[in-house]
Amino acid sequence: MISLPLVLLALLPFALAVPQPNAGVIHVPIVRRSQTDRVANLPKIVDALRKKYGYQQTVKSTNLEKRGNSAAVPITDEQNDSSYSGVVSIGTPAQNFNLVLDTGSSDLWVATTLCATCGSDIPTFDTSKSSTFKAATGTSAAVQITYGSGEVQGTASTDTVAFGGFTITGQELLAVADTSSGLISSGLSGIMGLGFQAISALDTTPFWQALYSAGQLSEPLFSFYLERYVDQANLINAAPGGILTLGGTNSSLYQGSIEYIDLTGSQSYWLLTVSSVTVQGKTVSVGASSGLAAIDTGTTLIGAPTAIAASIWSQVPGSVELTGEYQGLYAFPCDTSVTVSISFGGTSWQISPLDMNLGTVNVLTTVTATSQMCAGGIFDIGTIAGSGTDVPSWIVGDTFLKNVYSVFRANPASVGFAQLASGLSSSTGTSSPNPIQVSFSGSATPTSTGSSSGSGGLLGAASANKNIAVSLTLLATVAACFTILL
């Protein structure tokens, strides 16, 4: 017979894994999924990011979308680093959904059973089964939120929302009844916006700010460690994607001190100013008026101003600017290790060459000859379509954020970065060709010429699955629950 002390000892780790009310910090694991034909979908990704922030493709020859404890929440890595998601509970009794964690927007929305345009593989919220659900009435009840790859429509509502052991009763959300075709992928049900109220289409307090206002967080901040799978030989449908810590930081995930930089401008997006960029050991000039950057966990790549993107890739021998459907993207010889560092006024943070290599493309360089190259992680964001203050010139997404421990702090308003702990995804290593290969027919413009081309062959007649939904904030299907880590 097994003794009682031995049983208790065996159960101890599980007991410790349960979030404690006064534990101080709860860590939420993140999970990630793979996507086939990832390179073939890059034009959609780029277009979605431009629309999200009110940009249009640069012509070479929208208004911005309004968008006491700590918990460590497991998050999901979606489609080889395309985006990251977590499990959010909505309603009474709770119904669990996988939502993209997006610091580049501020609204919480979930697909409901009324959504006829949602596929059968999209888990939906049954509002009739929640005793705490309340839908708004009147002319302001119907709301549409526009994202880069489409829009969602639904009813402004309130319900009980729980995430990482924290709960807000009466949290405003959008109960979605209609989405654009292919807007969300299998297993994904919506978005958890982590920006400020100023960009909320619902004009409501985001969940994380509601926690802070209610005194539930030990500190007015949340922090991310994002895993890397972009360099994996196998396509990964779902994998542990890192940790989101609500109300604190996790000292086991970083080393040294956290370097905080005050936000630039008002509290809308998480805005910093890019002060310098180094490529292949050479400095690229960033003007004072072209450095405003949104730090966005819901964006896969890094979008840079047109002239700066061209300058960055001109430092990489043999790189070319892609044209046609792929205009704004760049490719480089796959045997080149691209090293880029970015500073926001303090430390110069290095981006791993692994994150700069998105996958191989066969570029038609002449009428009869093709050259296999690799797509790069920094692209030309284009020109702003509208006007206004606090419009970012850069969108700094997961290509950068996988290389640092990032902290988003409300008071004083700032973003902090720290070096990842030893053994975690780091900015060291060499690049190797991504195994996802797509053949293109079209042309490319060498960056060494310094010229830009607005025409040319359609580079992007790729053998892609057109049913794959691609969005910088919505590239996700999500894995099941992960163990809560203290």
Foldseek 3Di string as FASTA:
>chain_A
DDDPVVVCVVCVVVVVLDDDLQPAWWAQQAKEFADAPPVLCVLLALQQVLVQQQFDAAQACDDHAQFSHKHRRRGGGYRQQLFIWGWKWWAVVTDIAIATEKLSGFAAEFEAPLAPLDDPLADHHDQVPGPQKAFDDDPPQWFWGATSQWIWIAGWIFTWMDDRRDIDGRDIHGHTNYIDHQQFDGAHTYHQHNAALRRRSNSGGGPLVVCVVVVSASAQKKWWAFAGDLQPQDGGGMGGTTIIMRRDDDPQWFDDDKDKDFADDDRRARWFFWCWKAKPRHTQDDDPVQGIEGEISLARFKAAAPLRVLVRCLVAPAKWADAASRGFWIWHAQVDQIWMWIDRPDDTFIQASALQFNAWEWADADPPDTDITTIGRYTHSHGRNDDDPSSHNMYHYDSRSNAWIWMQGVVSGTIITGGTDPPGDHNDDGGHHHNNYWYWYWHIGHSNVVGDDHDTGHTNPTPDDVSNNDYSRRSRRHDDGDRIDD
